[in-house]
Amino acid sequence: MRWVTREHPRVDRVACPWLIATFIDPGAEILFAPADEVLAIAEDADAISFDAPGARYTHRDGLCTFEVLVADHAIDDPAVALLARIVHGADIADDRDATPESRGLLAVAEGFALLGLPDEETPALQLPVYSALHAWCQAQVAGVGS
C-alpha cells in the first residue's frame, strides 16, 4: 500500500514509516509531498495520508501521529508503547522531557535534517536508529540492560 506524508521528514515522519513497515504494512511505499498536496496525492495515488493537516492519521488529542497509529492499529507491545513515549517527547515541543531519551532522538532527527539529504533517502538511513531504539525498549520492559 502507498502512504503519503509531508516532505522534509523529522521525528514523526521517520518514526511512522518505521512503525508502518514493522507492524502495519511491511510492503508499504512511503511518498513525500508538500503539505498542501498530501491529501490530493493520497486520493490520486490511492494512498493513506499521515502526519499532515487533515490526514487520516495525524496528531490527535495531544498524541503525535506515531501514537495515533499505535492506538488505531491496536499495537499491543510494551516496547512500542515505550518507544511511542520517546517519539512523543521528541516530536511535541511542550513535552520534550516525556522521557530522558526524547531529546536525544530529536537531536538525531535534526542532525539528519541538517545533512540536506533527499526526503526519500532520510527514512531509509534512520530506520536502523528506530530498530535499535525498539530493541533497547524491549530490553527495558523486560528488565534487561541499563
Foldseek 3Di string as FASTA:
>chain_A
DEEEEEFLDFLLNLLVVLCCCPPNPVVYDYYHDHLVCQVVCCVVVVHAYECGVPGPFADDPLAGSLVSVCVVVVVPDQLSVVVRQLSSLLPPVVNVVSDPCNVVSVVVRVVLSVVVDGRVVSSVVCSVVVVVSSVVSVCVVVVHDD
